[in-house]
Protein backbone atom coordinates (compact mmCIF):
# COMPACT_ATOMS: atom_id res chain seq x y z
CA MET A 1 0.00 0.00 0.00
CA ASN A 2 1.61 3.29 -1.08
CA ILE A 3 1.24 6.72 0.50
CA ASP A 4 -1.37 7.90 -2.03
CA GLN A 5 -3.56 4.87 -1.31
CA THR A 6 -3.32 5.38 2.44
CA ARG A 7 -4.15 9.07 2.16
CA ALA A 8 -7.20 8.24 0.06
CA ILE A 9 -8.41 5.80 2.73
CA GLU A 10 -7.71 8.36 5.45
CA ALA A 11 -9.73 11.02 3.62
CA GLN A 12 -12.64 8.66 3.10
CA ASN A 13 -12.75 6.56 6.25
CA MET A 14 -10.87 8.05 9.18
CA PHE A 15 -11.33 10.93 11.60
CA ALA A 16 -8.96 13.73 10.63
CA VAL A 17 -7.33 13.90 14.07
CA TYR A 18 -3.85 12.88 12.85
CA THR A 19 -3.79 14.61 9.47
CA LYS A 20 -1.33 17.33 10.50
CA ILE A 21 1.19 14.94 12.06
CA HIS A 22 1.07 12.01 9.66
CA GLN A 23 4.47 11.50 8.06
CA PRO A 24 4.57 10.88 4.29
CA MET A 25 5.40 7.19 4.46
CA VAL A 26 3.76 3.86 5.25
CA ILE A 27 5.81 1.97 7.84
CA VAL A 28 5.71 -1.77 7.24
CA ARG A 29 8.56 -3.21 9.30
CA GLY A 30 10.79 -2.42 12.25
CA GLU A 31 13.89 -3.91 13.81
CA GLY A 32 15.92 -2.40 16.64
CA ALA A 33 16.41 1.32 16.08
CA TYR A 34 15.26 1.17 12.44
CA VAL A 35 11.98 1.06 10.52
CA TRP A 36 11.28 0.45 6.84
CA ASP A 37 8.57 1.99 4.68
CA ALA A 38 6.54 0.39 1.91
CA GLU A 39 9.04 1.64 -0.66
CA GLY A 40 11.90 -0.24 1.02
CA ASN A 41 13.56 2.84 2.58
CA ARG A 42 15.23 2.37 5.98
CA TYR A 43 14.98 5.09 8.64
CA LEU A 44 16.83 5.60 11.91
CA ASP A 45 14.04 6.12 14.43
CA LEU A 46 14.94 8.69 17.11
CA THR A 47 11.31 8.79 18.31
CA SER A 48 10.82 5.24 19.71
CA GLY A 49 7.89 4.54 17.45
CA GLY A 50 6.77 8.16 17.50
CA ARG A 51 5.74 8.57 21.16
CA ALA A 52 8.56 7.07 23.29
CA VAL A 53 6.85 3.66 23.23
CA THR A 54 9.29 1.17 21.69
CA ALA A 55 11.86 1.44 24.47
CA LEU A 56 13.61 -1.79 23.47
CA GLY A 57 13.52 -0.87 19.81
CA HIS A 58 11.19 -2.34 17.23
CA CYS A 59 10.21 -6.00 17.51
CA PRO A 60 12.64 -6.99 20.30
CA PRO A 61 13.06 -10.78 20.01
CA PRO A 62 12.15 -11.65 23.65
CA VAL A 63 8.90 -9.68 23.37
CA VAL A 64 8.06 -11.10 19.94
CA LYS A 65 8.58 -14.62 21.26
CA ALA A 66 6.47 -13.94 24.35
CA ILE A 67 3.62 -12.55 22.22
CA CYS A 68 3.69 -15.49 19.81
CA ASP A 69 3.87 -18.09 22.56
CA GLN A 70 1.11 -16.44 24.60
CA ALA A 71 -1.17 -15.89 21.60
CA ALA A 72 -1.04 -19.61 20.90
CA ARG A 73 -2.09 -20.39 24.49
CA LEU A 74 -4.45 -17.66 25.69
CA ILE A 75 -5.09 -14.14 24.35
CA HIS A 76 -7.70 -12.84 26.77
CA MET A 77 -9.70 -13.53 29.86
CA SER A 78 -11.29 -10.68 31.79
CA ASN A 79 -10.27 -9.73 35.31
CA ASP A 80 -12.98 -12.05 36.60
CA PHE A 81 -10.20 -14.64 36.30
CA TYR A 82 -6.55 -14.96 37.23
CA THR A 83 -3.97 -15.35 34.47
CA GLU A 84 -0.34 -16.25 34.99
CA PRO A 85 1.23 -13.42 32.90
CA GLN A 86 -0.67 -10.74 34.85
CA MET A 87 0.28 -12.20 38.22
CA GLU A 88 3.93 -12.59 37.24
CA LEU A 89 4.04 -9.01 35.93
CA ALA A 90 2.43 -7.69 39.11
CA ARG A 91 4.99 -9.51 41.23
CA LEU A 92 7.92 -8.25 39.14
CA LEU A 93 6.76 -4.61 39.24
CA GLY A 94 6.28 -4.89 43.00
CA GLU A 95 9.85 -6.12 43.35
CA ILE A 96 11.43 -3.25 41.43
CA CYS A 97 9.26 -0.28 42.45
CA VAL A 98 8.79 1.50 45.76
CA CYS A 99 5.03 1.34 45.07
CA LYS A 100 4.11 -2.32 45.52
CA ARG A 101 0.42 -2.51 44.56
CA VAL A 102 -0.59 -2.39 40.90
CA PHE A 103 -3.73 -1.78 38.87
CA PHE A 104 -3.46 -2.68 35.19
CA CYS A 105 -5.15 -0.77 32.37
CA ASN A 106 -4.47 -0.07 28.69
CA SER A 107 -2.75 3.32 28.41
CA GLY A 108 -1.06 6.15 30.23
CA ALA A 109 -4.23 8.23 30.28
CA GLU A 110 -6.12 5.35 31.90
CA ALA A 111 -3.34 4.91 34.46
CA ASN A 112 -3.58 8.60 35.33
CA GLU A 113 -7.38 8.37 35.56
CA ALA A 114 -6.95 5.55 38.07
CA ALA A 115 -4.50 7.63 40.10
CA ILE A 116 -6.89 10.59 40.13
CA LYS A 117 -9.73 8.39 41.37
CA LEU A 118 -7.48 6.81 44.00
CA ALA A 119 -6.42 10.22 45.32
CA ARG A 120 -10.01 11.40 45.70
CA LYS A 121 -11.17 8.18 47.35
CA HIS A 122 -8.15 8.18 49.67
CA SER A 123 -8.87 11.75 50.69
CA ARG A 124 -12.56 11.09 51.33
CA ILE A 125 -11.77 8.10 53.55
CA ASN A 126 -9.06 9.85 55.53
CA HIS A 127 -10.23 13.46 55.58
CA GLY A 128 -13.90 13.52 54.66
CA PRO A 129 -15.57 15.33 51.73
CA GLY A 130 -14.33 18.62 50.31
CA LYS A 131 -10.63 17.80 50.05
CA THR A 132 -10.70 17.05 46.32
CA GLU A 133 -8.32 19.42 44.50
CA ILE A 134 -5.35 18.08 42.56
CA VAL A 135 -2.40 20.37 41.85
CA THR A 136 -0.62 19.76 38.54
CA MET A 137 1.98 21.65 36.56
CA LEU A 138 1.82 24.19 33.76
CA GLY A 139 3.32 22.56 30.70
CA SER A 140 2.32 19.09 31.83
CA PHE A 141 0.65 16.42 29.75
CA HIS A 142 -1.35 13.64 31.41
CA GLY A 143 -3.68 12.40 28.65
CA ARG A 144 -6.71 13.21 26.54
CA THR A 145 -9.60 11.77 28.54
CA MET A 146 -11.74 14.43 30.17
CA ALA A 147 -10.13 14.13 33.61
CA THR A 148 -6.56 13.85 32.36
CA LEU A 149 -7.22 16.71 29.95
CA ALA A 150 -8.21 18.86 32.92
CA ALA A 151 -5.06 17.72 34.73
CA THR A 152 -2.91 18.70 31.73
CA GLY A 153 -1.52 22.18 32.21
CA GLN A 154 -1.66 23.36 28.60
CA SER A 155 -4.57 25.53 27.54
CA LYS A 156 -4.10 24.63 23.85
CA TYR A 157 -5.48 21.18 24.62
CA HIS A 158 -8.48 22.57 26.53
CA ALA A 159 -9.98 24.64 23.73
CA ASP A 160 -13.34 23.40 22.45
CA PHE A 161 -13.72 20.80 25.22
CA GLU A 162 -14.84 22.97 28.10
CA PRO A 163 -16.30 22.79 30.65
CA LEU A 164 -13.43 20.70 31.95
CA VAL A 165 -13.65 18.32 34.88
CA PRO A 166 -13.38 20.59 37.94
CA GLY A 167 -10.93 20.29 40.80
CA PHE A 168 -7.55 20.84 39.11
CA LYS A 169 -5.15 23.68 39.83
CA HIS A 170 -2.05 24.35 37.69
CA VAL A 171 1.16 25.91 39.00
CA GLU A 172 4.48 26.85 37.43
CA PHE A 173 6.86 23.90 37.17
CA ASN A 174 9.94 24.10 39.40
CA ASN A 175 8.51 27.11 41.27
CA VAL A 176 8.55 26.17 44.96
CA ALA A 177 6.80 29.33 46.12
CA ALA A 178 3.95 28.84 43.64
CA LEU A 179 3.61 25.20 44.69
CA ASN A 180 3.44 26.02 48.39
CA ALA A 181 0.87 28.72 47.73
CA ALA A 182 -1.32 26.32 45.77
CA VAL A 183 -1.24 23.25 48.05
CA ASP A 184 -3.61 23.66 50.98
CA ASP A 185 -6.16 21.75 53.04
CA ARG A 186 -8.37 21.29 49.96
CA THR A 187 -5.58 19.44 48.11
CA CYS A 188 -5.88 15.67 47.83
CA ALA A 189 -2.86 15.17 45.55
CA VAL A 190 0.04 16.78 43.74
CA MET A 191 0.53 15.16 40.34
CA LEU A 192 3.53 15.79 38.12
CA GLU A 193 5.89 14.35 35.54
CA PRO A 194 9.46 14.14 36.91
CA VAL A 195 10.47 15.37 33.45
CA LEU A 196 7.99 17.40 31.43
CA GLY A 197 8.15 15.28 28.29
CA GLU A 198 5.55 16.32 25.75
CA SER A 199 6.20 20.03 26.24
CA GLY A 200 9.95 19.78 25.74
CA VAL A 201 12.07 17.70 28.16
CA TYR A 202 12.27 19.83 31.29
CA PRO A 203 13.51 17.87 34.35
CA ALA A 204 12.23 18.75 37.80
CA THR A 205 14.84 20.14 40.16
CA LYS A 206 15.63 18.22 43.34
CA GLU A 207 14.50 21.24 45.34
CA PHE A 208 11.11 21.23 43.64
CA MET A 209 10.53 17.49 43.94
CA THR A 210 11.45 17.63 47.62
CA ALA A 211 9.06 20.55 48.07
CA CYS A 212 6.27 18.53 46.44
CA ARG A 213 6.83 15.68 48.88
CA LYS A 214 6.89 18.01 51.88
CA ALA A 215 3.79 19.90 50.76
CA CYS A 216 1.88 16.63 50.40
CA ASP A 217 3.02 15.49 53.84
CA ARG A 218 1.95 18.78 55.44
CA HIS A 219 -1.54 18.61 54.00
CA GLY A 220 -2.23 14.88 53.96
CA ALA A 221 -2.17 14.67 50.15
CA LEU A 222 -0.79 12.00 47.84
CA LEU A 223 2.25 12.58 45.65
CA ILE A 224 1.52 11.07 42.22
CA LEU A 225 4.36 10.82 39.71
CA ASP A 226 3.36 10.41 36.07
CA GLU A 227 6.16 8.20 34.77
CA VAL A 228 4.29 7.21 31.63
CA GLN A 229 7.17 8.54 29.54
CA THR A 230 10.05 8.48 32.05
CA GLY A 231 9.48 5.07 33.63
CA LEU A 232 11.48 1.89 33.01
CA GLY A 233 14.84 3.30 32.04
CA ARG A 234 14.34 6.31 29.82
CA THR A 235 16.04 8.78 32.17
CA GLY A 236 19.08 6.58 32.81
CA LYS A 237 17.57 5.17 35.98
CA LEU A 238 14.87 2.53 36.18
CA PHE A 239 12.39 5.12 37.48
CA ALA A 240 12.83 8.88 37.33
CA TYR A 241 11.91 9.27 41.01
CA GLN A 242 15.25 7.60 41.80
CA HIS A 243 17.03 10.77 40.68
CA TYR A 244 15.39 12.69 43.52
CA ASP A 245 15.51 10.54 46.68
CA VAL A 246 11.77 11.09 46.99
CA THR A 247 9.20 8.37 47.63
CA PRO A 248 5.91 8.86 45.73
CA ASP A 249 2.57 7.52 46.94
CA ALA A 250 1.64 6.45 43.42
CA ILE A 251 3.26 6.30 40.01
CA THR A 252 1.80 5.68 36.56
CA LEU A 253 3.39 3.69 33.74
CA ALA A 254 2.64 2.87 30.10
CA LYS A 255 4.70 3.42 26.91
CA ALA A 256 7.88 1.40 27.68
CA LEU A 257 5.90 -1.05 29.80
CA GLY A 258 4.45 -2.89 26.80
CA SER A 259 7.31 -2.52 24.29
CA GLY A 260 4.67 -1.51 21.75
CA MET A 261 1.71 -3.45 23.15
CA PRO A 262 -1.08 -1.35 24.75
CA ILE A 263 -0.80 -1.65 28.52
CA GLY A 264 -0.71 0.82 31.40
CA ALA A 265 -0.31 0.52 35.15
CA MET A 266 -0.99 2.57 38.24
CA LEU A 267 1.16 1.54 41.19
CA ALA A 268 0.70 2.74 44.75
CA THR A 269 2.03 2.15 48.23
CA ASP A 270 0.07 -0.13 50.52
CA ALA A 271 -1.17 2.87 52.51
CA ALA A 272 -2.54 4.61 49.42
CA ALA A 273 -3.81 1.48 47.66
CA ARG A 274 -5.94 0.56 50.67
CA ALA A 275 -8.41 3.26 49.63
CA PHE A 276 -9.69 1.24 46.68
CA ALA A 277 -12.29 -1.40 47.53
CA PRO A 278 -13.79 -4.07 45.25
CA GLY A 279 -15.83 -2.36 42.54
CA ASP A 280 -14.17 1.05 42.88
CA HIS A 281 -12.31 0.72 39.60
CA ALA A 282 -11.96 -1.85 36.81
CA SER A 283 -10.88 -2.52 33.23
CA SER A 284 -12.14 -5.14 30.80
CA PHE A 285 -8.83 -5.45 28.99
CA GLY A 286 -6.33 -4.12 31.56
CA GLY A 287 -3.48 -6.54 32.19
CA GLY A 288 -4.84 -9.04 29.66
CA ALA A 289 -2.80 -12.16 29.11
CA LEU A 290 -1.26 -11.13 25.78
CA ALA A 291 -0.28 -7.60 26.79
CA ALA A 292 0.96 -8.77 30.20
CA ALA A 293 3.13 -11.47 28.63
CA ALA A 294 4.70 -8.87 26.34
CA ALA A 295 5.25 -6.48 29.23
CA LEU A 296 6.76 -9.20 31.39
CA ALA A 297 9.28 -10.12 28.69
CA GLY A 298 10.05 -6.46 28.01
CA VAL A 299 10.60 -5.49 31.64
CA ARG A 300 12.83 -8.51 32.18
CA ALA A 301 14.88 -7.49 29.14
CA ILE A 302 15.21 -3.95 30.48
CA LEU A 303 16.37 -5.28 33.85
CA ASP A 304 18.75 -7.95 32.59
CA GLY A 305 20.21 -6.50 29.42
CA GLY A 306 22.15 -3.42 30.57
CA VAL A 307 19.47 -1.30 28.91
CA VAL A 308 19.18 1.34 31.64
CA GLU A 309 22.93 1.91 31.77
CA ASN A 310 23.02 2.14 27.97
CA ALA A 311 20.29 4.78 28.11
CA ARG A 312 22.38 6.77 30.56
CA GLN A 313 25.65 6.48 28.65
CA VAL A 314 24.38 6.92 25.10
CA GLY A 315 21.94 9.60 26.29
CA GLU A 316 24.84 11.58 27.73
CA HIS A 317 26.76 11.08 24.49
CA PHE A 318 23.81 12.29 22.42
CA LEU A 319 23.31 15.38 24.61
CA ALA A 320 27.02 16.20 24.37
CA GLY A 321 26.65 15.97 20.59
CA LEU A 322 23.71 18.39 20.70
CA MET A 323 25.85 20.79 22.72
CA LYS A 324 28.54 20.65 20.03
CA LEU A 325 25.94 21.34 17.36
CA ARG A 326 24.84 24.35 19.38
CA GLU A 327 28.35 25.75 19.09
CA LYS A 328 28.30 25.17 15.33
CA HIS A 329 24.72 26.32 14.71
CA PRO A 330 23.80 29.51 16.61
CA VAL A 331 20.14 28.87 15.78
CA ILE A 332 20.21 26.34 18.66
CA THR A 333 19.73 28.46 21.76
CA GLN A 334 19.59 25.66 24.31
CA ALA A 335 20.03 21.89 24.47
CA ARG A 336 18.97 19.79 27.45
CA GLY A 337 18.22 16.21 28.31
CA LEU A 338 18.19 13.39 30.82
CA GLY A 339 19.00 9.85 29.79
CA MET A 340 17.43 9.03 26.45
CA MET A 341 15.35 12.22 26.37
CA ALA A 342 16.69 15.38 24.77
CA ALA A 343 15.49 18.61 23.24
CA ALA A 344 16.92 21.62 21.43
CA ASP A 345 15.38 25.09 21.38
CA LEU A 346 15.65 27.06 18.15
CA ALA A 347 15.88 30.82 17.71
CA GLU A 348 13.84 30.64 14.51
CA PRO A 349 10.59 28.81 13.64
CA ILE A 350 12.35 26.20 11.50
CA ALA A 351 11.63 23.02 13.47
CA GLY A 352 9.39 21.71 10.69
CA ALA A 353 12.04 22.39 8.07
CA VAL A 354 14.70 20.63 10.15
CA ARG A 355 12.47 17.62 10.72
CA ALA A 356 11.67 17.42 6.99
CA ALA A 357 15.35 17.66 6.10
CA CYS A 358 16.12 14.83 8.52
CA LEU A 359 13.31 12.78 7.02
CA ARG A 360 14.77 13.18 3.52
CA ARG A 361 18.01 11.82 4.96
CA LYS A 362 16.17 8.85 6.51
CA VAL A 363 16.22 9.93 10.17
CA LEU A 364 13.04 10.38 12.20
CA ILE A 365 12.90 13.12 14.85
CA GLN A 366 10.12 15.10 16.54
CA GLN A 367 9.28 18.76 16.75
CA VAL A 368 7.46 20.66 19.50
CA GLY A 369 5.74 23.62 17.93
CA ASP A 370 7.76 25.57 15.39
CA SER A 371 10.89 26.23 17.45
CA MET A 372 11.86 23.06 19.30
CA LEU A 373 13.25 19.67 18.35
CA ARG A 374 12.79 16.59 20.53
CA PHE A 375 14.63 13.26 20.54
CA ILE A 376 13.35 10.16 22.38
CA PRO A 377 15.19 7.23 20.80
CA ALA A 378 15.04 3.61 21.88
CA LEU A 379 17.00 2.80 25.01
CA ILE A 380 19.08 0.32 22.99
CA LEU A 381 20.40 3.01 20.63
CA THR A 382 24.14 2.58 20.10
CA ALA A 383 26.73 5.34 20.24
CA ALA A 384 27.39 4.81 16.53
CA GLN A 385 23.71 5.21 15.71
CA ALA A 386 23.59 8.35 17.86
CA GLU A 387 26.57 9.74 15.94
CA GLY A 388 24.83 8.97 12.65
CA GLY A 389 21.69 10.76 13.79
CA LEU A 390 23.67 13.79 14.95
CA ALA A 391 25.52 13.97 11.63
CA VAL A 392 22.20 14.05 9.77
CA LEU A 393 20.89 16.69 12.18
CA ASP A 394 23.99 18.78 11.45
CA GLU A 395 23.23 18.65 7.72
CA ALA A 396 19.54 19.36 8.29
CA LEU A 397 20.27 22.42 10.42
CA HIS A 398 22.62 23.75 7.77
CA GLU A 399 20.02 23.23 5.08
CA ALA A 400 17.19 24.82 7.09
CA THR A 401 19.21 27.88 8.10
CA SER A 402 20.83 28.50 4.71
CA HIS A 403 17.65 28.03 2.67
CA GLY A 404 17.03 31.08 0.53
CA ASN A 405 20.44 32.63 1.33
């Protein structure tokens, strides 16, 4: 199926919600850090499948084997029944995370919905009605359901969908004074990404994360860390909270958890998890046998294969390369990153031109608005592949800044 055929089907049969972001190729195969289109072209994927999902690269053999083996045995039973892959995955996550109790769902937005419900139920049980506000961050992104949309601190996503779910208050990220002014006796939770991912890779400071923990403790609120993008190795540690010496009451996972399969999880401490009783929350598909088997194989590979350390080392190498490009290309005003997450701010609105120039050279990157580039490659990216991507970016920056001169 070529690009013209797919666009014709899109125009006739699909909602036009992805039209602006669809890339002009049909991806038919992936392996490691590379994907191939229907024309046989190979691309270096510095986006992990486009949204930081394929943390182990495309089609990692242990995950492929687990999916094939499980599909031949059992694809799905609802949560009215126990299945071995779900129980094994729950046990493994409890062993590696400070939050030991897990609720399985299908996406990051669903995981965040579960955390929001848990915070409100926990507050009602322990403090009575009225303590229902959740403080989140400006620039955050927590999902596109109605509650997670309200939690997201970006007004551009709110337009046309108001009235939003009430009870959310947004404060400036990394502003301790603003946080302390916002958290009060009406607050049931503070919810934040340890690294603002979707808006441009901005890590929380240790001072701010510590202040979040202290503010929650003062007011009997839960600290919820949205690790949908940062969890399971992307920041160079297994969980981003480990950079901060702070213990959350709940964390949310998705993306890397399934290595491309749709699965999410909300984990909480025993004290917080106690708030949920039978019937308080549920999912028909959450933690299904097939997705859980894939996640189990993927998490084991992340733990046993030196993947987290590779993300730290190659991530540092990639960021150092961005810093060198900044010296060479004054249009880059800032470069920042943590582990296998990086971004570059541009002085001119040429992000689209840079991305297109990279695409012509068979490298996939992301843009944030018109003046920022973002890189979220697979955690198994090699230093040589990083160098190749940086060399293409160098050429693309030159082309975009010299065009018309």
